[in-house]
Amino acid sequence: MGRVDEIVTQIAGQIASGQFLAGQKLPSVRIGAAQYGVSKNTMAEAYDRLVARGMLLSRQGSGYYVTGHLPVAPPPPRPDVTEASGIVSLLREQLEQHYETRPGDGRPPASWTEGSKLRRFMARGRSAAADVQYGYGSSWGLAALRGWLRLSMAERSIPVEADGVMLTSGINHGFDLIIRHMLEPGDTVFVDSPGYYPLFAKLRLAKVTMVPIRRLMDGPDLEDLAAKLAIWRPKMFFTQSQGHNPTGGGLSPAVAFGLMKLADAHDFRIVEDDAFADLHPTSLPRLAALGQQRRVLYVGSFSKTLSASLRCGYVAGTPEIIRGLVDLKMITTVATSAHVERLVIDLIDSGQYLKHLRRLRVRMEEGTKTTIRAFAELGIELAAPKVPGFYLWAPLPEGTDERAFCRAAAEANIFVAPAAEFRPDRDHSSAPGMRVNVAYGADPRFQAFLRQQLQR
């Protein structure tokens, strides 16, 4: 806690306890600074924070006076919000970044874009030179980028009608719209396990029942899926086709066809997450490409391939569903950022996006090889994905206490992503493991920590 916070807390406590009464003038900034042993600027900031809280009133030329108003305690958080926010502890660390060594991170490091022209292009703000529109923009998103997406998806054999794609503020925004529009409290959905943990938080917040489907390196376990379908009637199955987060696996043609066959037989929709589509060959299997657009909602993003700060994604599906999602987007957020969307299409049109993707693929391939090699030297065999991505799944020795492992890593200033965080029930008793970002997997500090843990 800084000095300003300490002073604010102390004075607020004195007001609450009655040591300073309503209407009473507080010591001047100069006197207060001397009393607390701080600069006048520090003291003035403390008083200003108390004014912002409604506890003091500033009278120009006179000083600061107690208002007599005490801050109202915030209402206790709803249990479902508390539970949902607990699930995204990994996401919180990725936003706030307390740890130096980051094998558990979900993003590649900024250095992976250094040396390319992408950063310099974005810094110039080329799109800012374009005609600036001061209105909201269309709730569908920038027409030029939507048109490019239709062409891009056609290369993956995914047919999309003109009004069958909308832009979002990233994949999580797309998930949020789909959940709000198409699910009700008490509905049942299937999810990958291990799978994408921010999705679990959203579903829990919506009071939707999640049923885990075992995820293998070639896609969802069809035997487990069939067994669960004998018990449950899911409304949807949320799954990721390629570059699976967290296992790094993909989707084989056999599993893709088997999954679609079960979806037809049991009449449930599929939400296909393809966040890394632009990094993977267009020939890889996609569920939305199997002539079943009416059954599949296809969700993608530029935030993973460009920058997490560029919140830009999309949802594709039947025009009827997309129109409903656009209406919901209009009600909740009005529109997405046309400036961000214009920057993305400028990067594409200039050829910088393609150059960036080529460089990123090389980085992923090198990171995957070095990480697998480093773990092999420790006696841990990692399953190599057919197509390199951002992640690998690292099993830990049977009997490893994941909580203790995470605490030890934190003490060593290392951020890890344990297996339990990627399960809907956050079960720490199942097979221990962790997601490893290939950019950091061979980091000497991380490898030294693992070697020490394995020798115990």
Protein backbone atom coordinates (compact mmCIF):
# COMPACT_ATOMS: atom_id res chain seq x y z
CA MET A 1 0.00 0.00 0.00
CA GLY A 2 1.40 3.41 -0.99
CA ARG A 3 1.55 6.43 1.28
CA VAL A 4 -1.46 8.06 -0.34
CA ASP A 5 -3.53 4.91 0.27
CA GLU A 6 -2.33 4.77 3.88
CA ILE A 7 -3.31 8.39 4.53
CA VAL A 8 -6.70 7.95 2.86
CA THR A 9 -7.41 4.82 4.92
CA GLN A 10 -6.40 6.53 8.18
CA ILE A 11 -8.43 9.69 7.64
CA ALA A 12 -11.46 7.70 6.41
CA GLY A 13 -11.25 5.64 9.60
CA GLN A 14 -11.08 8.78 11.74
CA ILE A 15 -14.17 10.18 10.02
CA ALA A 16 -16.04 6.89 10.41
CA SER A 17 -15.17 6.69 14.13
CA GLY A 18 -16.28 10.28 14.81
CA GLN A 19 -12.85 11.81 15.41
CA PHE A 20 -13.68 14.26 12.63
CA LEU A 21 -17.27 15.50 12.67
CA ALA A 22 -19.52 16.74 9.87
CA GLY A 23 -18.62 20.32 8.91
CA GLN A 24 -15.25 20.17 10.65
CA LYS A 25 -12.29 21.62 8.77
CA LEU A 26 -9.29 19.37 8.32
CA PRO A 27 -5.68 20.54 8.69
CA SER A 28 -4.37 22.40 5.66
CA VAL A 29 -2.41 20.56 3.01
CA ARG A 30 0.82 22.06 4.36
CA ILE A 31 0.10 21.10 7.97
CA GLY A 32 -1.18 17.66 7.00
CA ALA A 33 1.94 17.01 4.92
CA ALA A 34 4.12 17.86 7.92
CA GLN A 35 2.04 15.64 10.22
CA TYR A 36 2.30 12.63 7.93
CA GLY A 37 5.86 13.31 6.79
CA VAL A 38 4.97 13.51 3.10
CA SER A 39 5.11 16.08 0.34
CA LYS A 40 2.31 18.58 -0.16
CA ASN A 41 1.47 16.91 -3.49
CA THR A 42 0.99 13.55 -1.74
CA MET A 43 -1.21 15.12 0.93
CA ALA A 44 -3.29 16.99 -1.66
CA GLU A 45 -3.84 13.76 -3.60
CA ALA A 46 -5.04 12.01 -0.43
CA TYR A 47 -7.53 14.78 0.26
CA ASP A 48 -8.71 14.75 -3.36
CA ARG A 49 -9.36 11.00 -3.17
CA LEU A 50 -11.50 11.55 -0.07
CA VAL A 51 -13.38 14.28 -1.96
CA ALA A 52 -13.99 11.77 -4.77
CA ARG A 53 -15.40 9.33 -2.20
CA GLY A 54 -17.81 12.00 -0.96
CA MET A 55 -16.24 12.14 2.50
CA LEU A 56 -14.68 15.61 2.12
CA LEU A 57 -15.77 18.84 0.50
CA SER A 58 -13.19 21.14 -1.07
CA ARG A 59 -13.84 24.88 -0.71
CA GLN A 60 -11.52 26.93 -2.86
CA GLY A 61 -9.36 29.26 -0.81
CA SER A 62 -10.69 27.82 2.44
CA GLY A 63 -9.71 24.17 2.72
CA TYR A 64 -11.22 20.69 3.12
CA TYR A 65 -14.31 19.98 5.25
CA VAL A 66 -15.93 16.76 6.44
CA THR A 67 -19.25 16.15 4.69
CA GLY A 68 -20.56 13.61 7.17
CA HIS A 69 -21.28 11.15 4.38
CA LEU A 70 -19.82 7.71 4.85
CA PRO A 71 -19.16 5.50 1.83
CA VAL A 72 -21.88 2.94 1.27
CA ALA A 73 -20.54 -0.61 1.46
CA PRO A 74 -20.92 -2.36 -1.89
CA PRO A 75 -23.47 -5.17 -1.98
CA PRO A 76 -21.98 -8.65 -1.62
CA PRO A 77 -21.24 -10.20 -5.00
CA ARG A 78 -23.72 -12.71 -6.35
CA PRO A 79 -22.52 -16.29 -5.76
CA ASP A 80 -22.61 -17.07 -9.48
CA VAL A 81 -20.43 -14.03 -10.22
CA THR A 82 -17.96 -15.00 -7.51
CA GLU A 83 -17.80 -18.56 -8.82
CA ALA A 84 -17.39 -17.42 -12.41
CA SER A 85 -14.66 -14.91 -11.57
CA GLY A 86 -12.78 -17.60 -9.67
CA ILE A 87 -12.58 -19.67 -12.84
CA VAL A 88 -10.76 -16.94 -14.72
CA SER A 89 -7.83 -16.57 -12.32
CA LEU A 90 -5.52 -17.54 -15.18
CA LEU A 91 -7.00 -14.78 -17.33
CA ARG A 92 -6.49 -12.25 -14.53
CA GLU A 93 -2.77 -13.07 -14.38
CA GLN A 94 -2.46 -12.73 -18.14
CA LEU A 95 -3.93 -9.23 -17.90
CA GLU A 96 -2.01 -8.04 -14.84
CA GLN A 97 1.24 -10.03 -15.33
CA HIS A 98 2.93 -10.43 -11.95
CA TYR A 99 5.37 -13.19 -12.94
CA GLU A 100 8.57 -12.91 -14.96
CA THR A 101 8.69 -16.45 -16.41
CA ARG A 102 5.40 -17.25 -18.18
CA PRO A 103 5.06 -20.81 -19.52
CA GLY A 104 1.36 -20.72 -18.59
CA ASP A 105 0.57 -17.66 -20.69
CA GLY A 106 -2.09 -17.89 -23.39
CA ARG A 107 -0.40 -15.41 -25.73
CA PRO A 108 2.92 -15.37 -27.56
CA PRO A 109 5.41 -12.77 -26.31
CA ALA A 110 5.59 -9.31 -27.85
CA SER A 111 9.07 -10.20 -29.10
CA TRP A 112 7.48 -12.53 -31.67
CA THR A 113 6.32 -9.48 -33.61
CA GLU A 114 9.56 -7.54 -33.19
CA GLY A 115 11.75 -7.28 -36.24
CA SER A 116 8.74 -7.46 -38.53
CA LYS A 117 7.11 -4.49 -40.19
CA LEU A 118 3.83 -5.16 -38.41
CA ARG A 119 4.65 -3.16 -35.30
CA ARG A 120 5.93 -0.19 -37.30
CA PHE A 121 2.84 -0.32 -39.53
CA MET A 122 0.52 -0.28 -36.51
CA ALA A 123 2.51 2.47 -34.81
CA ARG A 124 2.03 4.71 -37.83
CA GLY A 125 -1.72 4.33 -37.38
CA ARG A 126 -2.22 4.12 -41.14
CA SER A 127 -5.94 3.57 -40.73
CA ALA A 128 -6.19 6.84 -38.85
CA ALA A 129 -5.40 8.57 -42.11
CA ALA A 130 -8.51 7.11 -43.65
CA ASP A 131 -11.79 8.95 -43.55
CA VAL A 132 -12.85 8.99 -39.91
CA GLN A 133 -16.50 8.25 -39.35
CA TYR A 134 -17.82 9.84 -36.18
CA GLY A 135 -21.03 7.83 -36.06
CA TYR A 136 -21.47 4.45 -34.40
CA GLY A 137 -20.92 2.40 -37.52
CA SER A 138 -22.92 -0.66 -38.49
CA SER A 139 -23.70 -3.24 -35.82
CA TRP A 140 -22.73 -5.84 -38.43
CA GLY A 141 -19.16 -4.49 -38.51
CA LEU A 142 -17.03 -3.03 -41.29
CA ALA A 143 -18.32 -4.28 -44.66
CA ALA A 144 -14.86 -4.56 -46.24
CA LEU A 145 -13.57 -6.84 -43.48
CA ARG A 146 -16.72 -8.95 -43.53
CA GLY A 147 -16.27 -9.38 -47.27
CA TRP A 148 -12.67 -10.51 -46.83
CA LEU A 149 -13.78 -12.99 -44.15
CA ARG A 150 -16.28 -14.58 -46.53
CA LEU A 151 -13.48 -15.12 -49.06
CA SER A 152 -11.16 -16.45 -46.38
CA MET A 153 -13.75 -18.92 -45.11
CA ALA A 154 -14.50 -20.02 -48.67
CA GLU A 155 -10.84 -21.11 -48.90
CA ARG A 156 -11.59 -23.42 -45.96
CA SER A 157 -14.65 -24.74 -47.85
CA ILE A 158 -17.01 -22.89 -45.51
CA PRO A 159 -19.81 -21.24 -47.51
CA VAL A 160 -21.06 -18.02 -45.95
CA GLU A 161 -23.86 -15.82 -47.24
CA ALA A 162 -23.49 -12.04 -47.32
CA ASP A 163 -25.52 -11.62 -44.13
CA GLY A 164 -24.14 -14.78 -42.54
CA VAL A 165 -21.14 -13.17 -40.80
CA MET A 166 -20.85 -10.42 -38.19
CA LEU A 167 -17.89 -8.81 -36.43
CA THR A 168 -17.34 -8.98 -32.68
CA SER A 169 -14.84 -7.70 -30.14
CA GLY A 170 -13.00 -11.02 -30.17
CA ILE A 171 -14.02 -14.62 -29.62
CA ASN A 172 -15.16 -14.11 -26.04
CA HIS A 173 -17.60 -11.46 -27.20
CA GLY A 174 -18.90 -13.92 -29.80
CA PHE A 175 -19.38 -16.59 -27.13
CA ASP A 176 -21.18 -14.10 -24.91
CA LEU A 177 -23.64 -13.16 -27.65
CA ILE A 178 -24.33 -16.80 -28.53
CA ILE A 179 -24.91 -17.78 -24.90
CA ARG A 180 -27.23 -14.84 -24.25
CA HIS A 181 -29.19 -15.31 -27.45
CA MET A 182 -29.50 -19.09 -27.62
CA LEU A 183 -29.30 -20.50 -24.08
CA GLU A 184 -31.49 -20.30 -21.01
CA PRO A 185 -30.69 -21.02 -17.35
CA GLY A 186 -30.89 -24.77 -16.82
CA ASP A 187 -29.99 -25.68 -20.41
CA THR A 188 -27.34 -28.36 -20.92
CA VAL A 189 -24.28 -27.94 -23.13
CA PHE A 190 -21.27 -30.14 -23.84
CA VAL A 191 -17.74 -28.71 -23.60
CA ASP A 192 -14.22 -29.97 -24.28
CA SER A 193 -12.39 -31.22 -21.19
CA PRO A 194 -9.73 -30.00 -20.95
CA GLY A 195 -11.02 -26.94 -22.73
CA TYR A 196 -11.22 -23.17 -22.91
CA TYR A 197 -11.67 -21.96 -19.33
CA PRO A 198 -13.07 -18.42 -20.01
CA LEU A 199 -15.97 -20.14 -21.79
CA PHE A 200 -16.67 -22.19 -18.66
CA ALA A 201 -16.94 -18.99 -16.64
CA LYS A 202 -19.44 -17.50 -19.08
CA LEU A 203 -21.60 -20.63 -19.05
CA ARG A 204 -21.55 -20.81 -15.28
CA LEU A 205 -22.54 -17.15 -15.07
CA ALA A 206 -25.49 -17.93 -17.37
CA LYS A 207 -26.49 -20.83 -15.06
CA VAL A 208 -26.04 -23.34 -17.86
CA THR A 209 -25.20 -26.96 -17.02
CA MET A 210 -21.87 -28.06 -18.48
CA VAL A 211 -21.12 -31.71 -19.30
CA PRO A 212 -17.42 -32.41 -20.00
CA ILE A 213 -16.46 -34.40 -23.09
CA ARG A 214 -13.00 -35.91 -22.97
CA ARG A 215 -10.66 -34.18 -25.42
CA LEU A 216 -8.05 -36.24 -27.27
CA MET A 217 -5.27 -35.09 -29.59
CA ASP A 218 -7.45 -35.74 -32.68
CA GLY A 219 -10.60 -34.12 -31.31
CA PRO A 220 -13.43 -34.95 -28.90
CA ASP A 221 -13.55 -38.57 -27.73
CA LEU A 222 -16.51 -39.91 -29.72
CA GLU A 223 -17.01 -42.84 -27.35
CA ASP A 224 -17.28 -40.50 -24.39
CA LEU A 225 -19.58 -38.25 -26.42
CA ALA A 226 -21.88 -41.13 -27.33
CA ALA A 227 -22.00 -42.30 -23.70
CA LYS A 228 -22.93 -38.81 -22.49
CA LEU A 229 -25.59 -38.48 -25.21
CA ALA A 230 -27.29 -41.56 -23.78
CA ILE A 231 -27.81 -39.57 -20.56
CA TRP A 232 -28.00 -35.91 -21.56
CA ARG A 233 -29.80 -33.91 -24.25
CA PRO A 234 -27.43 -31.02 -24.96
CA LYS A 235 -28.57 -27.90 -26.72
CA MET A 236 -25.03 -27.16 -27.91
CA PHE A 237 -21.51 -28.51 -28.00
CA PHE A 238 -18.75 -25.90 -27.67
CA THR A 239 -15.54 -27.28 -29.17
CA GLN A 240 -12.33 -26.08 -30.81
CA SER A 241 -11.30 -27.59 -34.11
CA GLN A 242 -7.61 -26.74 -34.66
CA GLY A 243 -4.79 -25.50 -32.41
CA HIS A 244 -6.81 -26.65 -29.42
CA ASN A 245 -6.43 -24.62 -26.26
CA PRO A 246 -5.00 -26.11 -24.04
CA THR A 247 -3.79 -29.42 -25.54
CA GLY A 248 -2.47 -28.15 -28.87
CA GLY A 249 -4.29 -30.97 -30.68
CA GLY A 250 -6.38 -30.78 -33.83
CA LEU A 251 -9.40 -32.40 -35.42
CA SER A 252 -9.05 -35.42 -37.68
CA PRO A 253 -11.43 -36.01 -40.61
CA ALA A 254 -12.78 -39.19 -39.00
CA VAL A 255 -13.61 -37.45 -35.74
CA ALA A 256 -15.10 -34.46 -37.58
CA PHE A 257 -17.48 -36.67 -39.58
CA GLY A 258 -18.34 -38.77 -36.52
CA LEU A 259 -19.13 -35.68 -34.49
CA MET A 260 -21.40 -34.25 -37.19
CA LYS A 261 -23.19 -37.58 -37.48
CA LEU A 262 -23.93 -37.59 -33.74
CA ALA A 263 -25.04 -33.94 -33.88
CA ASP A 264 -27.54 -34.81 -36.60
CA ALA A 265 -28.81 -37.89 -34.79
CA HIS A 266 -29.26 -36.08 -31.46
CA ASP A 267 -30.16 -32.66 -32.87
CA PHE A 268 -27.71 -30.34 -31.10
CA ARG A 269 -25.86 -27.34 -32.47
CA ILE A 270 -22.08 -26.98 -32.51
CA VAL A 271 -20.16 -23.80 -31.72
CA GLU A 272 -16.81 -24.24 -33.46
CA ASP A 273 -13.95 -22.15 -32.07
CA ASP A 274 -11.25 -21.64 -34.71
CA ALA A 275 -9.24 -18.86 -33.07
CA PHE A 276 -6.02 -19.74 -34.89
CA ALA A 277 -7.56 -20.37 -38.32
CA ASP A 278 -5.25 -17.96 -40.16
CA LEU A 279 -2.17 -19.75 -38.81
CA HIS A 280 -3.22 -23.22 -39.98
CA PRO A 281 -3.58 -24.72 -43.47
CA THR A 282 -6.94 -24.15 -45.12
CA SER A 283 -7.09 -27.88 -45.91
CA LEU A 284 -7.45 -28.91 -42.25
CA PRO A 285 -10.91 -30.23 -41.28
CA ARG A 286 -13.46 -27.72 -40.05
CA LEU A 287 -16.89 -28.73 -38.84
CA ALA A 288 -18.49 -25.75 -40.58
CA ALA A 289 -17.12 -27.05 -43.88
CA LEU A 290 -19.04 -30.32 -43.77
CA GLY A 291 -22.14 -28.94 -45.47
CA GLN A 292 -23.81 -28.30 -42.12
CA GLN A 293 -23.80 -24.54 -41.75
CA ARG A 294 -27.30 -24.70 -40.31
CA ARG A 295 -25.93 -26.76 -37.42
CA VAL A 296 -22.58 -25.02 -36.83
CA LEU A 297 -21.77 -21.54 -35.59
CA TYR A 298 -18.21 -20.72 -36.62
CA VAL A 299 -16.29 -18.34 -34.34
CA GLY A 300 -12.91 -16.76 -35.12
CA SER A 301 -10.62 -13.92 -34.11
CA PHE A 302 -7.75 -11.63 -35.10
CA SER A 303 -6.88 -10.95 -31.46
CA LYS A 304 -4.84 -14.16 -31.16
CA THR A 305 -2.89 -13.66 -34.37
CA LEU A 306 -2.35 -9.88 -34.21
CA SER A 307 -2.63 -8.36 -30.75
CA ALA A 308 -4.78 -8.99 -27.71
CA SER A 309 -5.40 -5.24 -27.66
CA LEU A 310 -7.00 -5.38 -31.11
CA ARG A 311 -10.34 -6.78 -30.04
CA CYS A 312 -11.67 -8.04 -33.34
CA GLY A 313 -13.40 -11.33 -34.09
CA TYR A 314 -16.38 -12.74 -35.91
CA VAL A 315 -19.26 -15.22 -35.87
CA ALA A 316 -20.54 -16.96 -39.02
CA GLY A 317 -23.71 -19.01 -39.38
CA THR A 318 -27.13 -18.98 -40.94
CA PRO A 319 -28.44 -15.48 -41.71
CA GLU A 320 -31.40 -16.02 -39.37
CA ILE A 321 -29.15 -16.66 -36.37
CA ILE A 322 -26.61 -13.98 -37.26
CA ARG A 323 -29.35 -11.35 -37.59
CA GLY A 324 -30.49 -12.22 -34.06
CA LEU A 325 -26.93 -11.93 -32.75
CA VAL A 326 -26.49 -8.57 -34.50
CA ASP A 327 -29.66 -7.28 -32.85
CA LEU A 328 -28.38 -8.42 -29.45
CA LYS A 329 -25.02 -6.80 -30.12
CA MET A 330 -26.80 -3.56 -31.02
CA ILE A 331 -28.76 -3.66 -27.75
CA THR A 332 -25.76 -4.46 -25.54
CA THR A 333 -22.77 -2.70 -27.15
CA VAL A 334 -24.32 -0.82 -30.12
CA ALA A 335 -21.36 -1.59 -32.39
CA THR A 336 -17.76 -2.75 -32.44
CA SER A 337 -14.83 -0.43 -33.16
CA ALA A 338 -14.73 0.60 -36.82
CA HIS A 339 -11.25 2.02 -36.19
CA VAL A 340 -9.92 -1.38 -35.10
CA GLU A 341 -11.69 -3.12 -37.98
CA ARG A 342 -10.27 -0.61 -40.45
CA LEU A 343 -6.77 -1.17 -39.10
CA VAL A 344 -7.17 -4.94 -39.55
CA ILE A 345 -8.34 -4.65 -43.15
CA ASP A 346 -5.51 -2.18 -43.87
CA LEU A 347 -3.01 -4.73 -42.55
CA ILE A 348 -4.57 -7.36 -44.80
CA ASP A 349 -4.73 -5.16 -47.91
CA SER A 350 -1.14 -3.99 -47.49
CA GLY A 351 0.17 -7.55 -47.28
CA GLN A 352 1.57 -6.99 -43.79
CA TYR A 353 -0.83 -9.48 -42.20
CA LEU A 354 0.29 -12.31 -44.48
CA LYS A 355 3.97 -11.53 -43.81
CA HIS A 356 3.27 -11.48 -40.09
CA LEU A 357 1.51 -14.86 -40.24
CA ARG A 358 4.45 -16.43 -42.08
CA ARG A 359 6.86 -15.20 -39.44
CA LEU A 360 4.57 -16.36 -36.63
CA ARG A 361 4.32 -19.87 -38.11
CA VAL A 362 8.11 -20.17 -38.10
CA ARG A 363 8.20 -19.05 -34.48
CA MET A 364 5.56 -21.61 -33.52
CA GLU A 365 7.40 -24.44 -35.26
CA GLU A 366 10.71 -23.54 -33.60
CA GLY A 367 9.07 -23.10 -30.19
CA THR A 368 7.26 -26.43 -30.47
CA LYS A 369 10.45 -28.32 -31.37
CA THR A 370 12.58 -26.73 -28.63
CA THR A 371 9.91 -27.22 -25.98
CA ILE A 372 9.38 -30.91 -26.84
CA ARG A 373 13.16 -31.43 -26.82
CA ALA A 374 13.60 -29.67 -23.46
CA PHE A 375 10.86 -31.73 -21.81
CA ALA A 376 12.25 -34.95 -23.27
CA GLU A 377 15.54 -34.23 -21.53
CA LEU A 378 13.58 -34.15 -18.26
CA GLY A 379 11.94 -37.48 -19.07
CA ILE A 380 8.55 -35.97 -19.93
CA GLU A 381 7.19 -36.96 -23.33
CA LEU A 382 4.90 -34.38 -24.91
CA ALA A 383 2.45 -35.29 -27.65
CA ALA A 384 3.52 -33.42 -30.77
CA PRO A 385 0.57 -31.90 -32.67
CA LYS A 386 0.36 -32.59 -36.40
CA VAL A 387 0.35 -28.84 -37.00
CA PRO A 388 2.35 -26.66 -34.56
CA GLY A 389 0.43 -24.09 -32.55
CA PHE A 390 0.83 -21.98 -29.43
CA TYR A 391 0.32 -24.79 -26.89
CA LEU A 392 1.49 -28.19 -25.73
CA TRP A 393 -0.01 -30.34 -23.00
CA ALA A 394 2.50 -31.51 -20.41
CA PRO A 395 1.56 -34.39 -18.10
CA LEU A 396 3.08 -34.33 -14.62
CA PRO A 397 4.10 -37.44 -12.64
CA GLU A 398 1.21 -39.34 -11.09
CA GLY A 399 0.54 -38.15 -7.58
CA THR A 400 1.76 -34.59 -8.21
CA ASP A 401 -0.13 -32.11 -6.05
CA GLU A 402 -1.08 -29.43 -8.57
CA ARG A 403 -1.84 -26.82 -5.90
CA ALA A 404 1.55 -27.34 -4.24
CA PHE A 405 3.21 -27.31 -7.67
CA CYS A 406 1.58 -23.96 -8.50
CA ARG A 407 2.57 -22.47 -5.14
CA ALA A 408 6.18 -23.53 -5.66
CA ALA A 409 6.15 -22.05 -9.15
CA ALA A 410 4.73 -18.76 -7.85
CA GLU A 411 7.46 -18.59 -5.21
CA ALA A 412 9.98 -19.01 -8.05
CA ASN A 413 8.29 -16.16 -9.98
CA ILE A 414 6.94 -18.58 -12.59
CA PHE A 415 3.39 -18.48 -13.98
CA VAL A 416 2.00 -21.94 -14.73
CA ALA A 417 -1.39 -23.06 -16.03
CA PRO A 418 -2.40 -26.28 -14.21
CA ALA A 419 -4.68 -28.89 -15.75
CA ALA A 420 -7.49 -28.32 -13.24
CA GLU A 421 -8.11 -24.80 -14.58
CA PHE A 422 -9.07 -26.28 -17.96
CA ARG A 423 -11.70 -28.64 -16.59
CA PRO A 424 -15.28 -27.42 -16.08
CA ASP A 425 -15.33 -28.71 -12.49
CA ARG A 426 -11.72 -27.58 -11.78
CA ASP A 427 -10.96 -31.06 -10.49
CA HIS A 428 -7.46 -31.18 -8.97
CA SER A 429 -7.66 -34.92 -8.29
CA SER A 430 -7.57 -35.99 -11.96
CA ALA A 431 -4.38 -36.65 -13.92
CA PRO A 432 -2.02 -33.75 -13.12
CA GLY A 433 -0.62 -31.69 -15.95
CA MET A 434 -0.35 -28.18 -17.37
CA ARG A 435 -0.66 -26.15 -20.52
CA VAL A 436 2.69 -24.94 -21.82
CA ASN A 437 3.12 -21.98 -24.15
CA VAL A 438 5.73 -23.02 -26.72
CA ALA A 439 7.30 -19.56 -26.59
CA TYR A 440 8.36 -20.17 -22.98
CA GLY A 441 8.52 -23.97 -22.66
CA ALA A 442 12.31 -24.20 -23.00
CA ASP A 443 13.03 -21.19 -20.77
CA PRO A 444 16.08 -22.14 -18.64
CA ARG A 445 14.46 -20.86 -15.41
CA PHE A 446 11.33 -22.89 -16.06
CA GLN A 447 13.31 -25.99 -16.97
CA ALA A 448 15.46 -25.63 -13.84
CA PHE A 449 12.32 -25.37 -11.74
CA LEU A 450 10.84 -28.49 -13.34
CA ARG A 451 14.07 -30.42 -12.82
CA GLN A 452 14.03 -29.48 -9.14
CA GLN A 453 10.39 -30.50 -8.75
CA LEU A 454 10.86 -33.84 -10.49
CA GLN A 455 13.80 -34.74 -8.24
CA ARG A 456 11.69 -34.47 -5.10
